[in-house]
C-alpha atoms as a PDB file:
ATOM      1  CA  MET A   1     149.742 240.560 206.970  1.00  0.00           C
ATOM      2  CA  ALA A   2     148.743 238.604 210.056  1.00  0.00           C
ATOM      3  CA  PRO A   3     151.487 236.496 211.662  1.00  0.00           C
ATOM      4  CA  ALA A   4     151.348 232.775 210.970  1.00  0.00           C
ATOM      5  CA  ARG A   5     149.596 230.546 213.489  1.00  0.00           C
ATOM      6  CA  PHE A   6     150.928 227.225 214.715  1.00  0.00           C
ATOM      7  CA  ASP A   7     148.178 224.654 215.183  1.00  0.00           C
ATOM      8  CA  ALA A   8     150.118 222.525 217.657  1.00  0.00           C
ATOM      9  CA  VAL A   9     150.804 225.484 219.947  1.00  0.00           C
ATOM     10  CA  ASP A  10     147.198 226.684 219.708  1.00  0.00           C
ATOM     11  CA  ALA A  11     145.961 223.180 220.530  1.00  0.00           C
ATOM     12  CA  LEU A  12     148.248 222.983 223.560  1.00  0.00           C
ATOM     13  CA  ARG A  13     147.077 226.396 224.770  1.00  0.00           C
ATOM     14  CA  GLY A  14     143.458 225.424 224.206  1.00  0.00           C
ATOM     15  CA  SER A  15     143.877 222.193 226.150  1.00  0.00           C
ATOM     16  CA  ALA A  16     145.351 224.105 229.078  1.00  0.00           C
ATOM     17  CA  MET A  17     142.464 226.595 229.039  1.00  0.00           C
ATOM     18  CA  VAL A  18     139.800 223.876 228.942  1.00  0.00           C
ATOM     19  CA  TRP A  19     141.503 221.951 231.742  1.00  0.00           C
ATOM     20  CA  MET A  20     141.831 225.131 233.816  1.00  0.00           C
ATOM     21  CA  THR A  21     138.144 225.927 233.301  1.00  0.00           C
ATOM     22  CA  ILE A  22     137.120 222.462 234.488  1.00  0.00           C
ATOM     23  CA  PHE A  23     139.505 222.702 237.448  1.00  0.00           C
ATOM     24  CA  HIS A  24     138.110 226.061 238.563  1.00  0.00           C
ATOM     25  CA  PHE A  25     134.546 224.860 238.093  1.00  0.00           C
ATOM     26  CA  CYS A  26     135.309 221.992 240.468  1.00  0.00           C
ATOM     27  CA  PHE A  27     136.914 224.463 242.880  1.00  0.00           C
ATOM     28  CA  ASP A  28     133.760 226.586 242.796  1.00  0.00           C
ATOM     29  CA  LEU A  29     131.592 223.536 243.463  1.00  0.00           C
ATOM     30  CA  SER A  30     133.749 222.765 246.487  1.00  0.00           C
ATOM     31  CA  HIS A  31     133.812 226.365 247.705  1.00  0.00           C
ATOM     32  CA  PHE A  32     130.021 226.648 247.636  1.00  0.00           C
ATOM     33  CA  GLY A  33     129.571 223.266 249.299  1.00  0.00           C
ATOM     34  CA  TYR A  34     128.138 221.285 246.393  1.00  0.00           C
ATOM     35  CA  TRP A  35     131.085 218.882 246.060  1.00  0.00           C
ATOM     36  CA  VAL A  36     133.571 219.386 248.872  1.00  0.00           C
ATOM     37  CA  GLN A  37     137.184 218.610 247.964  1.00  0.00           C
ATOM     38  CA  ASP A  38     140.536 219.277 249.625  1.00  0.00           C
ATOM     39  CA  PHE A  39     142.250 221.408 246.988  1.00  0.00           C
ATOM     40  CA  ARG A  40     145.084 222.366 249.325  1.00  0.00           C
ATOM     41  CA  ASN A  41     146.220 218.870 250.290  1.00  0.00           C
ATOM     42  CA  ASP A  42     144.762 216.247 247.934  1.00  0.00           C
ATOM     43  CA  PRO A  43     147.569 215.143 245.552  1.00  0.00           C
ATOM     44  CA  VAL A  44     145.036 214.638 242.751  1.00  0.00           C
ATOM     45  CA  TRP A  45     144.125 218.327 242.736  1.00  0.00           C
ATOM     46  CA  ILE A  46     147.640 219.529 243.542  1.00  0.00           C
ATOM     47  CA  GLY A  47     149.017 217.474 240.667  1.00  0.00           C
ATOM     48  CA  GLN A  48     146.439 218.804 238.231  1.00  0.00           C
ATOM     49  CA  ARG A  49     147.191 222.374 239.243  1.00  0.00           C
ATOM     50  CA  THR A  50     150.910 221.791 238.713  1.00  0.00           C
ATOM     51  CA  VAL A  51     150.350 220.401 235.224  1.00  0.00           C
ATOM     52  CA  ILE A  52     147.929 223.186 234.262  1.00  0.00           C
ATOM     53  CA  VAL A  53     150.276 225.957 235.412  1.00  0.00           C
ATOM     54  CA  SER A  54     153.185 224.202 233.700  1.00  0.00           C
ATOM     55  CA  LEU A  55     151.253 224.051 230.431  1.00  0.00           C
ATOM     56  CA  PHE A  56     150.347 227.738 230.628  1.00  0.00           C
ATOM     57  CA  LEU A  57     153.887 228.898 231.329  1.00  0.00           C
ATOM     58  CA  PHE A  58     155.465 226.501 228.834  1.00  0.00           C
ATOM     59  CA  CYS A  59     153.058 227.764 226.171  1.00  0.00           C
ATOM     60  CA  ALA A  60     153.867 231.345 227.151  1.00  0.00           C
ATOM     61  CA  GLY A  61     157.529 230.580 226.543  1.00  0.00           C
ATOM     62  CA  LEU A  62     156.697 228.999 223.199  1.00  0.00           C
ATOM     63  CA  GLY A  63     154.630 232.041 222.329  1.00  0.00           C
ATOM     64  CA  GLN A  64     157.481 234.415 223.094  1.00  0.00           C
ATOM     65  CA  ALA A  65     159.836 232.404 220.908  1.00  0.00           C
ATOM     66  CA  ILE A  66     157.339 232.611 218.051  1.00  0.00           C
ATOM     67  CA  ALA A  67     156.704 236.327 218.620  1.00  0.00           C
ATOM     68  CA  VAL A  68     160.392 237.230 218.566  1.00  0.00           C
ATOM     69  CA  HIS A  69     160.970 234.967 215.565  1.00  0.00           C
ATOM     70  CA  GLN A  70     158.175 236.755 213.696  1.00  0.00           C
ATOM     71  CA  GLY A  71     159.584 240.163 214.569  1.00  0.00           C
ATOM     72  CA  GLN A  72     157.013 241.317 217.118  1.00  0.00           C
ATOM     73  CA  GLY A  73     158.080 244.701 218.472  1.00  0.00           C
ATOM     74  CA  TRP A  74     158.146 245.929 222.039  1.00  0.00           C
ATOM     75  CA  ASP A  75     155.136 248.172 221.409  1.00  0.00           C
ATOM     76  CA  ARG A  76     152.815 245.261 220.684  1.00  0.00           C
ATOM     77  CA  PHE A  77     154.398 243.247 223.467  1.00  0.00           C
ATOM     78  CA  GLY A  78     153.817 246.162 225.817  1.00  0.00           C
ATOM     79  CA  ARG A  79     150.114 246.329 224.989  1.00  0.00           C
ATOM     80  CA  ARG A  80     149.698 242.618 225.691  1.00  0.00           C
ATOM     81  CA  TRP A  81     151.717 242.954 228.877  1.00  0.00           C
ATOM     82  CA  LEU A  82     149.510 245.780 230.146  1.00  0.00           C
ATOM     83  CA  GLN A  83     146.444 243.585 229.648  1.00  0.00           C
ATOM     84  CA  ILE A  84     148.015 240.785 231.689  1.00  0.00           C
ATOM     85  CA  ALA A  85     149.145 243.166 234.437  1.00  0.00           C
ATOM     86  CA  ALA A  86     145.690 244.750 234.625  1.00  0.00           C
ATOM     87  CA  CYS A  87     144.046 241.331 234.892  1.00  0.00           C
ATOM     88  CA  ALA A  88     146.501 240.387 237.649  1.00  0.00           C
ATOM     89  CA  LEU A  89     145.442 243.461 239.621  1.00  0.00           C
ATOM     90  CA  LEU A  90     141.790 242.541 239.124  1.00  0.00           C
ATOM     91  CA  VAL A  91     142.505 239.037 240.410  1.00  0.00           C
ATOM     92  CA  SER A  92     144.106 240.510 243.525  1.00  0.00           C
ATOM     93  CA  ALA A  93     141.171 242.847 244.091  1.00  0.00           C
ATOM     94  CA  GLY A  94     138.542 240.179 243.486  1.00  0.00           C
ATOM     95  CA  SER A  95     140.262 237.568 245.617  1.00  0.00           C
ATOM     96  CA  PHE A  96     140.707 240.108 248.422  1.00  0.00           C
ATOM     97  CA  ALA A  97     136.967 240.704 248.384  1.00  0.00           C
ATOM     98  CA  MET A  98     136.282 236.963 248.653  1.00  0.00           C
ATOM     99  CA  PHE A  99     139.286 235.756 250.662  1.00  0.00           C
ATOM    100  CA  PRO A 100     140.738 238.715 252.595  1.00  0.00           C
ATOM    101  CA  ARG A 101     142.998 236.461 254.677  1.00  0.00           C
ATOM    102  CA  SER A 102     144.350 234.476 251.726  1.00  0.00           C
ATOM    103  CA  PHE A 103     143.931 236.759 248.724  1.00  0.00           C
ATOM    104  CA  ILE A 104     146.047 236.228 245.618  1.00  0.00           C
ATOM    105  CA  TYR A 105     148.994 238.598 245.519  1.00  0.00           C
ATOM    106  CA  PHE A 106     151.280 236.553 243.262  1.00  0.00           C
ATOM    107  CA  GLY A 107     149.318 234.054 241.219  1.00  0.00           C
ATOM    108  CA  VAL A 108     149.774 232.875 237.667  1.00  0.00           C
ATOM    109  CA  LEU A 109     148.933 236.217 236.024  1.00  0.00           C
ATOM    110  CA  HIS A 110     151.225 238.130 238.378  1.00  0.00           C
ATOM    111  CA  ALA A 111     153.954 235.617 237.592  1.00  0.00           C
ATOM    112  CA  MET A 112     153.428 235.985 233.856  1.00  0.00           C
ATOM    113  CA  ALA A 113     153.595 239.776 234.163  1.00  0.00           C
ATOM    114  CA  VAL A 114     157.067 239.408 235.685  1.00  0.00           C
ATOM    115  CA  MET A 115     158.296 236.459 233.635  1.00  0.00           C
ATOM    116  CA  LEU A 116     157.302 237.559 230.136  1.00  0.00           C
ATOM    117  CA  PRO A 117     159.669 240.557 230.017  1.00  0.00           C
ATOM    118  CA  LEU A 118     162.419 238.343 231.452  1.00  0.00           C
ATOM    119  CA  ALA A 119     161.771 235.751 228.760  1.00  0.00           C
ATOM    120  CA  ARG A 120     161.820 238.459 226.126  1.00  0.00           C
ATOM    121  CA  VAL A 121     165.185 239.890 227.147  1.00  0.00           C
ATOM    122  CA  THR A 122     166.782 236.452 227.601  1.00  0.00           C
ATOM    123  CA  TYR A 123     165.674 235.109 224.214  1.00  0.00           C
ATOM    124  CA  GLY A 124     169.213 235.579 222.943  1.00  0.00           C
ATOM    125  CA  TRP A 125     170.632 233.131 225.465  1.00  0.00           C
ATOM    126  CA  GLY A 126     169.941 230.325 223.001  1.00  0.00           C
ATOM    127  CA  ARG A 127     170.973 226.915 224.307  1.00  0.00           C
ATOM    128  CA  TRP A 128     171.847 228.407 227.685  1.00  0.00           C
ATOM    129  CA  LEU A 129     168.108 228.690 228.296  1.00  0.00           C
ATOM    130  CA  TRP A 130     168.034 224.951 228.998  1.00  0.00           C
ATOM    131  CA  LEU A 131     170.623 225.323 231.750  1.00  0.00           C
ATOM    132  CA  ALA A 132     168.986 228.465 233.125  1.00  0.00           C
ATOM    133  CA  GLY A 133     165.649 226.665 233.268  1.00  0.00           C
ATOM    134  CA  GLY A 134     167.154 223.729 235.115  1.00  0.00           C
ATOM    135  CA  LEU A 135     168.797 226.015 237.664  1.00  0.00           C
ATOM    136  CA  ALA A 136     165.539 227.911 238.160  1.00  0.00           C
ATOM    137  CA  LEU A 137     163.737 224.642 238.842  1.00  0.00           C
ATOM    138  CA  ALA A 138     166.382 223.517 241.334  1.00  0.00           C
ATOM    139  CA  MET A 139     166.848 226.748 243.282  1.00  0.00           C
ATOM    140  CA  PRO A 140     163.687 226.521 245.458  1.00  0.00           C
ATOM    141  CA  TRP A 141     164.733 223.062 246.653  1.00  0.00           C
ATOM    142  CA  LEU A 142     168.181 224.375 247.553  1.00  0.00           C
ATOM    143  CA  ALA A 143     166.659 227.418 249.239  1.00  0.00           C
ATOM    144  CA  GLN A 144     164.302 225.288 251.311  1.00  0.00           C
ATOM    145  CA  TRP A 145     167.227 223.175 252.491  1.00  0.00           C
ATOM    146  CA  ALA A 146     169.344 226.241 253.291  1.00  0.00           C
ATOM    147  CA  LEU A 147     166.570 228.187 255.024  1.00  0.00           C
ATOM    148  CA  SER A 148     165.653 225.144 257.095  1.00  0.00           C
ATOM    149  CA  GLY A 149     169.281 224.534 258.034  1.00  0.00           C
ATOM    150  CA  PRO A 150     172.386 226.712 257.826  1.00  0.00           C
ATOM    151  CA  LEU A 151     170.500 229.904 256.893  1.00  0.00           C
ATOM    152  CA  THR A 152     167.489 229.430 259.142  1.00  0.00           C
ATOM    153  CA  ASP A 153     167.804 232.968 260.540  1.00  0.00           C
ATOM    154  CA  TRP A 154     167.121 234.330 257.060  1.00  0.00           C
ATOM    155  CA  ALA A 155     163.909 232.338 256.635  1.00  0.00           C
ATOM    156  CA  VAL A 156     161.748 234.973 258.291  1.00  0.00           C
ATOM    157  CA  HIS A 157     162.786 237.473 255.613  1.00  0.00           C
ATOM    158  CA  PHE A 158     162.411 235.205 252.587  1.00  0.00           C
ATOM    159  CA  ASN A 159     159.092 233.821 253.856  1.00  0.00           C
ATOM    160  CA  ALA A 160     157.663 237.333 254.209  1.00  0.00           C
ATOM    161  CA  ARG A 161     155.277 238.583 251.532  1.00  0.00           C
ATOM    162  CA  SER A 162     157.813 241.177 250.398  1.00  0.00           C
ATOM    163  CA  LEU A 163     160.173 238.429 249.177  1.00  0.00           C
ATOM    164  CA  ASN A 164     158.257 235.139 249.012  1.00  0.00           C
ATOM    165  CA  TRP A 165     157.173 235.914 245.434  1.00  0.00           C
ATOM    166  CA  LEU A 166     160.729 234.905 244.513  1.00  0.00           C
ATOM    167  CA  GLY A 167     159.972 231.324 245.575  1.00  0.00           C
ATOM    168  CA  LEU A 168     163.029 230.989 247.828  1.00  0.00           C
ATOM    169  CA  VAL A 169     161.043 230.018 250.912  1.00  0.00           C
ATOM    170  CA  SER A 170     161.119 227.407 253.637  1.00  0.00           C
ATOM    171  CA  ARG A 171     157.318 227.171 253.755  1.00  0.00           C
ATOM    172  CA  LYS A 172     154.524 227.951 251.334  1.00  0.00           C
ATOM    173  CA  PRO A 173     152.480 231.066 252.167  1.00  0.00           C
ATOM    174  CA  TYR A 174     148.771 230.866 252.891  1.00  0.00           C
ATOM    175  CA  THR A 175     147.148 232.183 249.731  1.00  0.00           C
ATOM    176  CA  GLU A 176     144.567 230.992 247.223  1.00  0.00           C
ATOM    177  CA  ASP A 177     147.096 230.874 244.393  1.00  0.00           C
ATOM    178  CA  TYR A 178     150.873 231.021 244.551  1.00  0.00           C
ATOM    179  CA  VAL A 179     153.055 230.917 241.440  1.00  0.00           C
ATOM    180  CA  PRO A 180     156.433 232.326 242.504  1.00  0.00           C
ATOM    181  CA  LEU A 181     159.167 233.384 240.127  1.00  0.00           C
ATOM    182  CA  LEU A 182     161.174 230.287 240.985  1.00  0.00           C
ATOM    183  CA  PRO A 183     160.818 227.506 239.965  1.00  0.00           C
ATOM    184  CA  TRP A 184     158.194 228.589 237.431  1.00  0.00           C
ATOM    185  CA  LEU A 185     160.468 230.842 235.402  1.00  0.00           C
ATOM    186  CA  GLY A 186     162.332 227.644 234.580  1.00  0.00           C
ATOM    187  CA  VAL A 187     159.226 226.225 232.900  1.00  0.00           C
ATOM    188  CA  MET A 188     158.826 229.358 230.789  1.00  0.00           C
ATOM    189  CA  TRP A 189     162.519 229.309 229.893  1.00  0.00           C
ATOM    190  CA  TRP A 190     162.201 225.699 228.762  1.00  0.00           C
ATOM    191  CA  GLY A 191     159.179 226.686 226.682  1.00  0.00           C
ATOM    192  CA  LEU A 192     161.243 229.495 225.162  1.00  0.00           C
ATOM    193  CA  ALA A 193     164.140 227.121 224.484  1.00  0.00           C
ATOM    194  CA  SER A 194     161.791 224.535 222.971  1.00  0.00           C
ATOM    195  CA  GLY A 195     160.253 227.190 220.747  1.00  0.00           C
ATOM    196  CA  ARG A 196     163.651 228.313 219.514  1.00  0.00           C
ATOM    197  CA  TRP A 197     164.708 224.721 218.851  1.00  0.00           C
ATOM    198  CA  TRP A 198     161.474 223.983 216.977  1.00  0.00           C
ATOM    199  CA  LEU A 199     161.521 227.146 214.882  1.00  0.00           C
ATOM    200  CA  GLU A 200     165.126 226.559 213.858  1.00  0.00           C
ATOM    201  CA  ARG A 201     163.995 223.258 212.350  1.00  0.00           C
ATOM    202  CA  THR A 202     160.725 224.478 210.841  1.00  0.00           C
ATOM    203  CA  PRO A 203     160.865 225.497 207.161  1.00  0.00           C
END
């Protein structure tokens, strides 16, 4: 028997996918010179990207709550995870071919490959997921303050590619897409917490 679908979650996912498609189409138009836009600095595009990524990760958290609630095993989860990880590697390879100086080494798919297992194993945190999500959202701001002030000598290490995927940086790296673990894990945790809350109240 196929697991039950939730129309609201599917609609939210679909909206995020359509919006992302439009966003990337506009990016392509700009990249090829048909409609030049400043995707790195224009708040209109930066804001849209933030909302799109937030929707994707929030929906991923919702999806994990539903999957665990419906009894999805680690074997099926593992197959889905391998697909995401493989696509992340393809994104890195493709972006390196197009943008060797700013290729994507930790974009949204890379982030999901790391965050989904974390969401899975922390499902049992229950209400503590709300607090964990809030802390995850706040930590990059605290890190930026610390690495620009009292811990400035450490900034060179945390800003390096080997650690900047954590999101505890004093400056954003130069890359075509950057979705670090923090603060974005907080969005997924809040999606997971929202899913748990919703399912507990759904007959």
